[in-house]
Amino acid sequence: MPPTILTPNGDGLNDLFKLDLPFGIGSCASIMVFNRWGMKVFDSNGQNSGWDGRTTAGEKVPEGTYFYIIDVNGITKKGSLTLID
């Protein structure tokens, strides 16, 4: 189950929204994160995919609720998480 709160403040707790998958399974994983208006702010593929509260271009996003779509080998999970800076 993915976390529901992200606090990317560098304290080592909930700093990264990431899938912990066995080696090999995650190579077909993707994470997409959207803001409340449906604009994609992050997109990543592969075993080490993870979101740190920044856009794919490296810009910090504001606090708030974000929505994700995770796909692992064709199995899709959708949900939301709250970003607290």
PDB file of N, CA and C in Angstrom:
ATOM      1  N   MET A   1       0.839  -1.186   0.000  1.00  0.00           N
ATOM      2  CA  MET A   1       0.000   0.000   0.000  1.00  0.00           C
ATOM      3  C   MET A   1       0.880   1.244   0.000  1.00  0.00           C
ATOM      4  N   PRO A   2       0.714   2.140  -0.963  1.00  0.00           N
ATOM      5  CA  PRO A   2       1.503   3.375  -0.992  1.00  0.00           C
ATOM      6  C   PRO A   2       1.156   4.276   0.186  1.00  0.00           C
ATOM      7  N   PRO A   3       2.087   5.140   0.594  1.00  0.00           N
ATOM      8  CA  PRO A   3       1.795   6.081   1.681  1.00  0.00           C
ATOM      9  C   PRO A   3       0.748   7.109   1.247  1.00  0.00           C
ATOM     10  N   THR A   4       0.101   7.743   2.224  1.00  0.00           N
ATOM     11  CA  THR A   4      -0.908   8.747   1.908  1.00  0.00           C
ATOM     12  C   THR A   4      -0.444  10.154   2.252  1.00  0.00           C
ATOM     13  N   ILE A   5       0.728  10.265   2.896  1.00  0.00           N
ATOM     14  CA  ILE A   5       1.291  11.571   3.239  1.00  0.00           C
ATOM     15  C   ILE A   5       2.742  11.608   2.789  1.00  0.00           C
ATOM     16  N   LEU A   6       3.121  12.715   2.182  1.00  0.00           N
ATOM     17  CA  LEU A   6       4.497  12.926   1.740  1.00  0.00           C
ATOM     18  C   LEU A   6       5.011  14.198   2.413  1.00  0.00           C
ATOM     19  N   THR A   7       6.135  14.078   3.109  1.00  0.00           N
ATOM     20  CA  THR A   7       6.751  15.233   3.784  1.00  0.00           C
ATOM     21  C   THR A   7       8.220  15.309   3.368  1.00  0.00           C
ATOM     22  N   PRO A   8       8.503  15.844   2.194  1.00  0.00           N
ATOM     23  CA  PRO A   8       9.879  15.857   1.675  1.00  0.00           C
ATOM     24  C   PRO A   8      10.755  16.931   2.324  1.00  0.00           C
ATOM     25  N   ASN A   9      10.980  16.794   3.637  1.00  0.00           N
ATOM     26  CA  ASN A   9      11.759  17.795   4.372  1.00  0.00           C
ATOM     27  C   ASN A   9      13.141  17.303   4.767  1.00  0.00           C
ATOM     28  N   GLY A  10      13.528  16.131   4.287  1.00  0.00           N
ATOM     29  CA  GLY A  10      14.876  15.631   4.526  1.00  0.00           C
ATOM     30  C   GLY A  10      15.096  14.940   5.857  1.00  0.00           C
ATOM     31  N   ASP A  11      14.015  14.650   6.605  1.00  0.00           N
ATOM     32  CA  ASP A  11      14.188  13.995   7.907  1.00  0.00           C
ATOM     33  C   ASP A  11      14.221  12.472   7.810  1.00  0.00           C
ATOM     34  N   GLY A  12      14.093  11.933   6.598  1.00  0.00           N
ATOM     35  CA  GLY A  12      14.143  10.494   6.404  1.00  0.00           C
ATOM     36  C   GLY A  12      12.809   9.782   6.584  1.00  0.00           C
ATOM     37  N   LEU A  13      11.756  10.518   6.914  1.00  0.00           N
ATOM     38  CA  LEU A  13      10.421   9.935   7.091  1.00  0.00           C
ATOM     39  C   LEU A  13       9.476  10.481   6.026  1.00  0.00           C
ATOM     40  N   ASN A  14       8.937   9.609   5.226  1.00  0.00           N
ATOM     41  CA  ASN A  14       7.985   9.989   4.168  1.00  0.00           C
ATOM     42  C   ASN A  14       8.537  11.065   3.235  1.00  0.00           C
ATOM     43  N   ASP A  15       9.833  11.010   2.962  1.00  0.00           N
ATOM     44  CA  ASP A  15      10.455  11.981   2.062  1.00  0.00           C
ATOM     45  C   ASP A  15      10.239  11.638   0.594  1.00  0.00           C
ATOM     46  N   LEU A  16       9.887  10.387   0.308  1.00  0.00           N
ATOM     47  CA  LEU A  16       9.782   9.926  -1.070  1.00  0.00           C
ATOM     48  C   LEU A  16       8.558   9.029  -1.230  1.00  0.00           C
ATOM     49  N   PHE A  17       7.744   9.326  -2.215  1.00  0.00           N
ATOM     50  CA  PHE A  17       6.612   8.481  -2.578  1.00  0.00           C
ATOM     51  C   PHE A  17       7.155   7.460  -3.565  1.00  0.00           C
ATOM     52  N   LYS A  18       7.341   6.231  -3.097  1.00  0.00           N
ATOM     53  CA  LYS A  18       8.049   5.223  -3.880  1.00  0.00           C
ATOM     54  C   LYS A  18       7.445   3.850  -3.658  1.00  0.00           C
ATOM     55  N   LEU A  19       7.565   3.008  -4.671  1.00  0.00           N
ATOM     56  CA  LEU A  19       7.133   1.624  -4.571  1.00  0.00           C
ATOM     57  C   LEU A  19       8.316   0.772  -4.128  1.00  0.00           C
ATOM     58  N   ASP A  20       8.118  -0.060  -3.141  1.00  0.00           N
ATOM     59  CA  ASP A  20       9.138  -1.013  -2.734  1.00  0.00           C
ATOM     60  C   ASP A  20       8.760  -2.365  -3.309  1.00  0.00           C
ATOM     61  N   LEU A  21       9.347  -2.670  -4.458  1.00  0.00           N
ATOM     62  CA  LEU A  21       9.007  -3.896  -5.166  1.00  0.00           C
ATOM     63  C   LEU A  21      10.222  -4.803  -5.243  1.00  0.00           C
ATOM     64  N   PRO A  22       9.982  -6.112  -5.305  1.00  0.00           N
ATOM     65  CA  PRO A  22      11.106  -7.039  -5.475  1.00  0.00           C
ATOM     66  C   PRO A  22      11.857  -6.734  -6.771  1.00  0.00           C
ATOM     67  N   PHE A  23      13.154  -6.968  -6.774  1.00  0.00           N
ATOM     68  CA  PHE A  23      13.986  -6.699  -7.949  1.00  0.00           C
ATOM     69  C   PHE A  23      13.393  -7.404  -9.167  1.00  0.00           C
ATOM     70  N   GLY A  24      13.350  -6.704 -10.275  1.00  0.00           N
ATOM     71  CA  GLY A  24      12.839  -7.261 -11.521  1.00  0.00           C
ATOM     72  C   GLY A  24      11.386  -6.916 -11.768  1.00  0.00           C
ATOM     73  N   ILE A  25      10.554  -6.956 -10.735  1.00  0.00           N
ATOM     74  CA  ILE A  25       9.138  -6.626 -10.905  1.00  0.00           C
ATOM     75  C   ILE A  25       8.979  -5.142 -11.180  1.00  0.00           C
ATOM     76  N   GLY A  26       9.751  -4.324 -10.482  1.00  0.00           N
ATOM     77  CA  GLY A  26       9.639  -2.880 -10.618  1.00  0.00           C
ATOM     78  C   GLY A  26      10.143  -2.317 -11.923  1.00  0.00           C
ATOM     79  N   SER A  27      10.823  -3.130 -12.722  1.00  0.00           N
ATOM     80  CA  SER A  27      11.347  -2.610 -13.983  1.00  0.00           C
ATOM     81  C   SER A  27      10.218  -2.229 -14.938  1.00  0.00           C
ATOM     82  N   CYS A  28       9.025  -2.748 -14.707  1.00  0.00           N
ATOM     83  CA  CYS A  28       7.869  -2.414 -15.532  1.00  0.00           C
ATOM     84  C   CYS A  28       6.885  -1.514 -14.779  1.00  0.00           C
ATOM     85  N   ALA A  29       7.365  -0.829 -13.748  1.00  0.00           N
ATOM     86  CA  ALA A  29       6.490   0.026 -12.938  1.00  0.00           C
ATOM     87  C   ALA A  29       6.549   1.464 -13.431  1.00  0.00           C
ATOM     88  N   SER A  30       5.426   2.149 -13.320  1.00  0.00           N
ATOM     89  CA  SER A  30       5.412   3.577 -13.632  1.00  0.00           C
ATOM     90  C   SER A  30       4.569   4.300 -12.583  1.00  0.00           C
ATOM     91  N   ILE A  31       4.962   5.543 -12.301  1.00  0.00           N
ATOM     92  CA  ILE A  31       4.225   6.397 -11.382  1.00  0.00           C
ATOM     93  C   ILE A  31       3.942   7.708 -12.105  1.00  0.00           C
ATOM     94  N   MET A  32       2.678   8.124 -12.082  1.00  0.00           N
ATOM     95  CA  MET A  32       2.293   9.437 -12.587  1.00  0.00           C
ATOM     96  C   MET A  32       1.595  10.163 -11.446  1.00  0.00           C
ATOM     97  N   VAL A  33       1.941  11.430 -11.234  1.00  0.00           N
ATOM     98  CA  VAL A  33       1.337  12.237 -10.180  1.00  0.00           C
ATOM     99  C   VAL A  33       0.719  13.474 -10.823  1.00  0.00           C
ATOM    100  N   PHE A  34      -0.512  13.796 -10.396  1.00  0.00           N
ATOM    101  CA  PHE A  34      -1.268  14.906 -10.957  1.00  0.00           C
ATOM    102  C   PHE A  34      -1.692  15.859  -9.839  1.00  0.00           C
ATOM    103  N   ASN A  35      -1.792  17.156 -10.172  1.00  0.00           N
ATOM    104  CA  ASN A  35      -2.315  18.110  -9.188  1.00  0.00           C
ATOM    105  C   ASN A  35      -3.846  18.066  -9.217  1.00  0.00           C
ATOM    106  N   ARG A  36      -4.485  18.898  -8.414  1.00  0.00           N
ATOM    107  CA  ARG A  36      -5.945  18.839  -8.301  1.00  0.00           C
ATOM    108  C   ARG A  36      -6.669  19.292  -9.561  1.00  0.00           C
ATOM    109  N   TRP A  37      -5.975  19.919 -10.482  1.00  0.00           N
ATOM    110  CA  TRP A  37      -6.568  20.334 -11.750  1.00  0.00           C
ATOM    111  C   TRP A  37      -6.323  19.313 -12.855  1.00  0.00           C
ATOM    112  N   GLY A  38      -5.685  18.199 -12.520  1.00  0.00           N
ATOM    113  CA  GLY A  38      -5.442  17.146 -13.495  1.00  0.00           C
ATOM    114  C   GLY A  38      -4.188  17.314 -14.314  1.00  0.00           C
ATOM    115  N   MET A  39      -3.355  18.301 -13.974  1.00  0.00           N
ATOM    116  CA  MET A  39      -2.103  18.522 -14.693  1.00  0.00           C
ATOM    117  C   MET A  39      -1.030  17.576 -14.151  1.00  0.00           C
ATOM    118  N   LYS A  40      -0.377  16.842 -15.043  1.00  0.00           N
ATOM    119  CA  LYS A  40       0.669  15.918 -14.621  1.00  0.00           C
ATOM    120  C   LYS A  40       1.877  16.706 -14.129  1.00  0.00           C
ATOM    121  N   VAL A  41       2.319  16.427 -12.894  1.00  0.00           N
ATOM    122  CA  VAL A  41       3.473  17.120 -12.337  1.00  0.00           C
ATOM    123  C   VAL A  41       4.693  16.213 -12.254  1.00  0.00           C
ATOM    124  N   PHE A  42       4.473  14.891 -12.343  1.00  0.00           N
ATOM    125  CA  PHE A  42       5.590  13.955 -12.239  1.00  0.00           C
ATOM    126  C   PHE A  42       5.248  12.678 -12.990  1.00  0.00           C
ATOM    127  N   ASP A  43       6.264  12.120 -13.628  1.00  0.00           N
ATOM    128  CA  ASP A  43       6.108  10.880 -14.380  1.00  0.00           C
ATOM    129  C   ASP A  43       7.438  10.149 -14.330  1.00  0.00           C
ATOM    130  N   SER A  44       7.420   8.889 -13.929  1.00  0.00           N
ATOM    131  CA  SER A  44       8.665   8.142 -13.827  1.00  0.00           C
ATOM    132  C   SER A  44       8.417   6.664 -14.104  1.00  0.00           C
ATOM    133  N   ASN A  45       9.433   5.999 -14.605  1.00  0.00           N
ATOM    134  CA  ASN A  45       9.368   4.568 -14.893  1.00  0.00           C
ATOM    135  C   ASN A  45      10.570   3.864 -14.288  1.00  0.00           C
ATOM    136  N   GLY A  46      10.379   2.609 -13.896  1.00  0.00           N
ATOM    137  CA  GLY A  46      11.494   1.777 -13.470  1.00  0.00           C
ATOM    138  C   GLY A  46      11.538   1.485 -11.990  1.00  0.00           C
ATOM    139  N   GLN A  47      12.467   0.628 -11.613  1.00  0.00           N
ATOM    140  CA  GLN A  47      12.612   0.111 -10.258  1.00  0.00           C
ATOM    141  C   GLN A  47      12.785   1.214  -9.221  1.00  0.00           C
ATOM    142  N   ASN A  48      13.561   2.243  -9.516  1.00  0.00           N
ATOM    143  CA  ASN A  48      13.868   3.274  -8.535  1.00  0.00           C
ATOM    144  C   ASN A  48      12.973   4.504  -8.665  1.00  0.00           C
ATOM    145  N   SER A  49      11.807   4.334  -9.262  1.00  0.00           N
ATOM    146  CA  SER A  49      10.882   5.454  -9.415  1.00  0.00           C
ATOM    147  C   SER A  49      10.437   5.964  -8.057  1.00  0.00           C
ATOM    148  N   GLY A  50      10.357   7.257  -7.929  1.00  0.00           N
ATOM    149  CA  GLY A  50       9.858   7.838  -6.694  1.00  0.00           C
ATOM    150  C   GLY A  50       9.632   9.328  -6.867  1.00  0.00           C
ATOM    151  N   TRP A  51       8.672   9.866  -6.125  1.00  0.00           N
ATOM    152  CA  TRP A  51       8.347  11.294  -6.199  1.00  0.00           C
ATOM    153  C   TRP A  51       8.751  11.964  -4.905  1.00  0.00           C
ATOM    154  N   ASP A  52       9.488  13.069  -5.013  1.00  0.00           N
ATOM    155  CA  ASP A  52       9.984  13.801  -3.848  1.00  0.00           C
ATOM    156  C   ASP A  52       9.315  15.171  -3.686  1.00  0.00           C
ATOM    157  N   GLY A  53       8.148  15.361  -4.289  1.00  0.00           N
ATOM    158  CA  GLY A  53       7.439  16.636  -4.171  1.00  0.00           C
ATOM    159  C   GLY A  53       7.913  17.675  -5.163  1.00  0.00           C
ATOM    160  N   ARG A  54       8.613  17.227  -6.177  1.00  0.00           N
ATOM    161  CA  ARG A  54       9.093  18.128  -7.232  1.00  0.00           C
ATOM    162  C   ARG A  54       8.557  17.662  -8.581  1.00  0.00           C
ATOM    163  N   THR A  55       8.463  18.597  -9.507  1.00  0.00           N
ATOM    164  CA  THR A  55       8.042  18.239 -10.853  1.00  0.00           C
ATOM    165  C   THR A  55       9.162  17.446 -11.515  1.00  0.00           C
ATOM    166  N   THR A  56       8.860  16.871 -12.657  1.00  0.00           N
ATOM    167  CA  THR A  56       9.881  16.152 -13.412  1.00  0.00           C
ATOM    168  C   THR A  56      11.029  17.096 -13.767  1.00  0.00           C
ATOM    169  N   ALA A  57      10.748  18.407 -13.883  1.00  0.00           N
ATOM    170  CA  ALA A  57      11.770  19.417 -14.180  1.00  0.00           C
ATOM    171  C   ALA A  57      12.542  19.854 -12.935  1.00  0.00           C
ATOM    172  N   GLY A  58      12.166  19.361 -11.748  1.00  0.00           N
ATOM    173  CA  GLY A  58      12.899  19.672 -10.522  1.00  0.00           C
ATOM    174  C   GLY A  58      12.346  20.814  -9.698  1.00  0.00           C
ATOM    175  N   GLU A  59      11.199  21.372 -10.070  1.00  0.00           N
ATOM    176  CA  GLU A  59      10.605  22.484  -9.316  1.00  0.00           C
ATOM    177  C   GLU A  59       9.723  21.949  -8.193  1.00  0.00           C
ATOM    178  N   LYS A  60       9.816  22.569  -6.995  1.00  0.00           N
ATOM    179  CA  LYS A  60       8.959  22.172  -5.874  1.00  0.00           C
ATOM    180  C   LYS A  60       7.508  22.506  -6.183  1.00  0.00           C
ATOM    181  N   VAL A  61       6.612  21.607  -5.816  1.00  0.00           N
ATOM    182  CA  VAL A  61       5.185  21.873  -5.977  1.00  0.00           C
ATOM    183  C   VAL A  61       4.628  22.341  -4.635  1.00  0.00           C
ATOM    184  N   PRO A  62       3.520  23.081  -4.641  1.00  0.00           N
ATOM    185  CA  PRO A  62       2.951  23.563  -3.378  1.00  0.00           C
ATOM    186  C   PRO A  62       2.316  22.432  -2.571  1.00  0.00           C
ATOM    187  N   GLU A  63       2.149  22.684  -1.270  1.00  0.00           N
ATOM    188  CA  GLU A  63       1.450  21.732  -0.407  1.00  0.00           C
ATOM    189  C   GLU A  63       0.043  21.515  -0.944  1.00  0.00           C
ATOM    190  N   GLY A  64      -0.511  20.345  -0.668  1.00  0.00           N
ATOM    191  CA  GLY A  64      -1.871  20.071  -1.080  1.00  0.00           C
ATOM    192  C   GLY A  64      -2.087  18.603  -1.360  1.00  0.00           C
ATOM    193  N   THR A  65      -3.208  18.321  -1.971  1.00  0.00           N
ATOM    194  CA  THR A  65      -3.568  16.953  -2.328  1.00  0.00           C
ATOM    195  C   THR A  65      -3.176  16.684  -3.772  1.00  0.00           C
ATOM    196  N   TYR A  66      -2.561  15.560  -3.995  1.00  0.00           N
ATOM    197  CA  TYR A  66      -2.140  15.124  -5.325  1.00  0.00           C
ATOM    198  C   TYR A  66      -2.707  13.738  -5.578  1.00  0.00           C
ATOM    199  N   PHE A  67      -2.840  13.408  -6.825  1.00  0.00           N
ATOM    200  CA  PHE A  67      -3.427  12.136  -7.221  1.00  0.00           C
ATOM    201  C   PHE A  67      -2.405  11.352  -8.015  1.00  0.00           C
ATOM    202  N   TYR A  68      -2.393  10.040  -7.828  1.00  0.00           N
ATOM    203  CA  TYR A  68      -1.397   9.220  -8.508  1.00  0.00           C
ATOM    204  C   TYR A  68      -2.057   8.074  -9.258  1.00  0.00           C
ATOM    205  N   ILE A  69      -1.329   7.625 -10.263  1.00  0.00           N
ATOM    206  CA  ILE A  69      -1.654   6.395 -10.977  1.00  0.00           C
ATOM    207  C   ILE A  69      -0.365   5.590 -11.008  1.00  0.00           C
ATOM    208  N   ILE A  70      -0.427   4.394 -10.462  1.00  0.00           N
ATOM    209  CA  ILE A  70       0.716   3.492 -10.443  1.00  0.00           C
ATOM    210  C   ILE A  70       0.359   2.295 -11.318  1.00  0.00           C
ATOM    211  N   ASP A  71       1.266   1.915 -12.179  1.00  0.00           N
ATOM    212  CA  ASP A  71       1.064   0.731 -13.001  1.00  0.00           C
ATOM    213  C   ASP A  71       2.254  -0.196 -12.816  1.00  0.00           C
ATOM    214  N   VAL A  72       1.988  -1.421 -12.425  1.00  0.00           N
ATOM    215  CA  VAL A  72       3.031  -2.432 -12.277  1.00  0.00           C
ATOM    216  C   VAL A  72       2.618  -3.643 -13.097  1.00  0.00           C
ATOM    217  N   ASN A  73       3.341  -3.867 -14.171  1.00  0.00           N
ATOM    218  CA  ASN A  73       3.076  -5.016 -15.050  1.00  0.00           C
ATOM    219  C   ASN A  73       1.608  -5.108 -15.464  1.00  0.00           C
ATOM    220  N   GLY A  74       1.001  -3.968 -15.776  1.00  0.00           N
ATOM    221  CA  GLY A  74      -0.373  -3.935 -16.259  1.00  0.00           C
ATOM    222  C   GLY A  74      -1.433  -3.859 -15.176  1.00  0.00           C
ATOM    223  N   ILE A  75      -1.043  -3.886 -13.912  1.00  0.00           N
ATOM    224  CA  ILE A  75      -1.987  -3.738 -12.801  1.00  0.00           C
ATOM    225  C   ILE A  75      -1.926  -2.289 -12.346  1.00  0.00           C
ATOM    226  N   THR A  76      -3.076  -1.612 -12.358  1.00  0.00           N
ATOM    227  CA  THR A  76      -3.137  -0.186 -12.077  1.00  0.00           C
ATOM    228  C   THR A  76      -3.749   0.078 -10.707  1.00  0.00           C
ATOM    229  N   LYS A  77      -3.138   1.004  -9.986  1.00  0.00           N
ATOM    230  CA  LYS A  77      -3.638   1.458  -8.679  1.00  0.00           C
ATOM    231  C   LYS A  77      -3.733   2.975  -8.750  1.00  0.00           C
ATOM    232  N   LYS A  78      -4.884   3.521  -8.339  1.00  0.00           N
ATOM    233  CA  LYS A  78      -5.102   4.963  -8.310  1.00  0.00           C
ATOM    234  C   LYS A  78      -5.377   5.374  -6.882  1.00  0.00           C
ATOM    235  N   GLY A  79      -4.968   6.589  -6.535  1.00  0.00           N
ATOM    236  CA  GLY A  79      -5.229   7.086  -5.199  1.00  0.00           C
ATOM    237  C   GLY A  79      -4.784   8.528  -5.049  1.00  0.00           C
ATOM    238  N   SER A  80      -4.803   8.987  -3.799  1.00  0.00           N
ATOM    239  CA  SER A  80      -4.396  10.359  -3.518  1.00  0.00           C
ATOM    240  C   SER A  80      -3.405  10.370  -2.358  1.00  0.00           C
ATOM    241  N   LEU A  81      -2.652  11.443  -2.281  1.00  0.00           N
ATOM    242  CA  LEU A  81      -1.741  11.650  -1.163  1.00  0.00           C
ATOM    243  C   LEU A  81      -1.671  13.130  -0.858  1.00  0.00           C
ATOM    244  N   THR A  82      -1.334  13.447   0.358  1.00  0.00           N
ATOM    245  CA  THR A  82      -1.223  14.831   0.789  1.00  0.00           C
ATOM    246  C   THR A  82       0.243  15.186   0.928  1.00  0.00           C
ATOM    247  N   LEU A  83       0.644  16.286   0.299  1.00  0.00           N
ATOM    248  CA  LEU A  83       2.004  16.786   0.395  1.00  0.00           C
ATOM    249  C   LEU A  83       2.042  17.881   1.449  1.00  0.00           C
ATOM    250  N   ILE A  84       2.868  17.681   2.463  1.00  0.00           N
ATOM    251  CA  ILE A  84       3.077  18.675   3.524  1.00  0.00           C
ATOM    252  C   ILE A  84       4.548  19.004   3.510  1.00  0.00           C
ATOM    253  N   ASP A  85       4.869  20.246   3.272  1.00  0.00           N
ATOM    254  CA  ASP A  85       6.271  20.646   3.157  1.00  0.00           C
ATOM    255  C   ASP A  85       6.874  20.976   4.500  1.00  0.00           C
TER     256      ASP A  85
END
